[in-house]
Amino acid sequence: MRIDKFLKVSRLLKRRTVAGDAAKGGRVKINGKTVKPAHEVKTGDIVELGFQSGTVKFRVLDVKETVRKEETSSLYEILSD
């Protein structure tokens, strides 16, 4: 699955266009490398998502096309630095 779609499905970002803009702006890293919106995300990848207030780092636990709101936390695990 593309990283922009994963960020939207997991509800870490509200819209796919916002996720795409974040990736285009260099604020998304997978396994330490800055990626573009079309980069494929896989189970086990470590993703860093930069916000104005800081960075969120998480491990991808599962990749699903659609998820209910209550199940979104099963897709990733927040990591502390």
C-alpha atoms as a PDB file:
ATOM      1  CA  MET A   1       0.000   0.000   0.000  1.00  0.00           C
ATOM      2  CA  ARG A   2       1.189   3.532  -0.721  1.00  0.00           C
ATOM      3  CA  ILE A   3       2.352   5.553   2.291  1.00  0.00           C
ATOM      4  CA  ASP A   4      -0.114   8.380   1.601  1.00  0.00           C
ATOM      5  CA  LYS A   5      -3.028   5.930   1.615  1.00  0.00           C
ATOM      6  CA  PHE A   6      -1.749   4.157   4.739  1.00  0.00           C
ATOM      7  CA  LEU A   7      -1.569   7.446   6.665  1.00  0.00           C
ATOM      8  CA  LYS A   8      -5.172   8.195   5.683  1.00  0.00           C
ATOM      9  CA  VAL A   9      -6.531   4.673   6.393  1.00  0.00           C
ATOM     10  CA  SER A  10      -4.772   4.600   9.787  1.00  0.00           C
ATOM     11  CA  ARG A  11      -6.222   8.050  10.518  1.00  0.00           C
ATOM     12  CA  LEU A  12      -2.833   9.491  11.434  1.00  0.00           C
ATOM     13  CA  LEU A  13      -3.685  12.207   8.902  1.00  0.00           C
ATOM     14  CA  LYS A  14      -7.237  13.172   7.964  1.00  0.00           C
ATOM     15  CA  ARG A  15      -6.976  13.275   4.176  1.00  0.00           C
ATOM     16  CA  ARG A  16      -4.866  11.534   1.574  1.00  0.00           C
ATOM     17  CA  THR A  17      -3.989  14.848  -0.056  1.00  0.00           C
ATOM     18  CA  VAL A  18      -2.567  16.076   3.261  1.00  0.00           C
ATOM     19  CA  ALA A  19      -0.547  12.852   3.548  1.00  0.00           C
ATOM     20  CA  GLY A  20       0.697  13.296  -0.016  1.00  0.00           C
ATOM     21  CA  ASP A  21       1.716  16.883   0.669  1.00  0.00           C
ATOM     22  CA  ALA A  22       3.580  15.783   3.809  1.00  0.00           C
ATOM     23  CA  ALA A  23       5.531  13.209   1.808  1.00  0.00           C
ATOM     24  CA  LYS A  24       6.257  15.673  -1.014  1.00  0.00           C
ATOM     25  CA  GLY A  25       7.486  18.149   1.597  1.00  0.00           C
ATOM     26  CA  GLY A  26      10.013  15.652   2.976  1.00  0.00           C
ATOM     27  CA  ARG A  27       8.220  15.131   6.311  1.00  0.00           C
ATOM     28  CA  VAL A  28       7.746  11.342   5.927  1.00  0.00           C
ATOM     29  CA  LYS A  29      10.583   8.859   6.397  1.00  0.00           C
ATOM     30  CA  ILE A  30      10.440   5.076   6.152  1.00  0.00           C
ATOM     31  CA  ASN A  31      13.324   3.165   7.713  1.00  0.00           C
ATOM     32  CA  GLY A  32      15.350   6.396   7.856  1.00  0.00           C
ATOM     33  CA  LYS A  33      14.871   7.439   4.207  1.00  0.00           C
ATOM     34  CA  THR A  34      12.715  10.331   3.039  1.00  0.00           C
ATOM     35  CA  VAL A  35      10.019   8.981   0.716  1.00  0.00           C
ATOM     36  CA  LYS A  36       7.511  10.165  -1.862  1.00  0.00           C
ATOM     37  CA  PRO A  37       3.727   9.599  -1.616  1.00  0.00           C
ATOM     38  CA  ALA A  38       3.814   6.500  -3.851  1.00  0.00           C
ATOM     39  CA  HIS A  39       6.373   4.628  -1.730  1.00  0.00           C
ATOM     40  CA  GLU A  40       5.115   1.190  -0.674  1.00  0.00           C
ATOM     41  CA  VAL A  41       4.778   0.595   3.069  1.00  0.00           C
ATOM     42  CA  LYS A  42       5.072  -2.943   4.443  1.00  0.00           C
ATOM     43  CA  THR A  43       4.532  -4.647   7.788  1.00  0.00           C
ATOM     44  CA  GLY A  44       7.528  -4.012  10.053  1.00  0.00           C
ATOM     45  CA  ASP A  45       8.539  -0.669   8.504  1.00  0.00           C
ATOM     46  CA  ILE A  46       9.501   2.147  10.878  1.00  0.00           C
ATOM     47  CA  VAL A  47       7.831   5.393   9.810  1.00  0.00           C
ATOM     48  CA  GLU A  48       8.635   8.911  11.034  1.00  0.00           C
ATOM     49  CA  LEU A  49       6.024  11.579  10.421  1.00  0.00           C
ATOM     50  CA  GLY A  50       7.042  15.181  11.019  1.00  0.00           C
ATOM     51  CA  PHE A  51       4.590  17.748  12.351  1.00  0.00           C
ATOM     52  CA  GLN A  52       5.162  21.399  13.264  1.00  0.00           C
ATOM     53  CA  SER A  53       5.125  20.453  16.941  1.00  0.00           C
ATOM     54  CA  GLY A  54       7.400  17.409  16.654  1.00  0.00           C
ATOM     55  CA  THR A  55       7.763  13.952  15.156  1.00  0.00           C
ATOM     56  CA  VAL A  56       5.732  10.778  15.547  1.00  0.00           C
ATOM     57  CA  LYS A  57       7.641   7.531  15.085  1.00  0.00           C
ATOM     58  CA  PHE A  58       5.741   4.264  14.674  1.00  0.00           C
ATOM     59  CA  ARG A  59       6.085   0.669  13.482  1.00  0.00           C
ATOM     60  CA  VAL A  60       3.628  -0.666  10.902  1.00  0.00           C
ATOM     61  CA  LEU A  61       1.922  -3.752  12.358  1.00  0.00           C
ATOM     62  CA  ASP A  62      -0.600  -4.443   9.615  1.00  0.00           C
ATOM     63  CA  VAL A  63      -1.608  -3.091   6.209  1.00  0.00           C
ATOM     64  CA  LYS A  64      -5.334  -3.145   5.363  1.00  0.00           C
ATOM     65  CA  GLU A  65      -7.321  -1.386   2.644  1.00  0.00           C
ATOM     66  CA  THR A  66     -10.190  -0.410   4.936  1.00  0.00           C
ATOM     67  CA  VAL A  67     -10.460  -0.328   8.719  1.00  0.00           C
ATOM     68  CA  ARG A  68     -13.173   0.709  11.134  1.00  0.00           C
ATOM     69  CA  LYS A  69     -12.362   3.701  13.317  1.00  0.00           C
ATOM     70  CA  GLU A  70     -12.096   1.536  16.441  1.00  0.00           C
ATOM     71  CA  GLU A  71      -9.518  -0.749  14.799  1.00  0.00           C
ATOM     72  CA  THR A  72      -7.054   1.857  13.515  1.00  0.00           C
ATOM     73  CA  SER A  73      -4.689   1.472  16.471  1.00  0.00           C
ATOM     74  CA  SER A  74      -4.102  -2.162  15.444  1.00  0.00           C
ATOM     75  CA  LEU A  75      -2.316  -0.966  12.292  1.00  0.00           C
ATOM     76  CA  TYR A  76       0.631   0.688  14.048  1.00  0.00           C
ATOM     77  CA  GLU A  77       2.588   0.862  17.293  1.00  0.00           C
ATOM     78  CA  ILE A  78       3.927   4.217  18.531  1.00  0.00           C
ATOM     79  CA  LEU A  79       7.635   4.064  19.351  1.00  0.00           C
ATOM     80  CA  SER A  80       9.405   6.304  21.844  1.00  0.00           C
ATOM     81  CA  ASP A  81      12.840   7.729  21.064  1.00  0.00           C
END
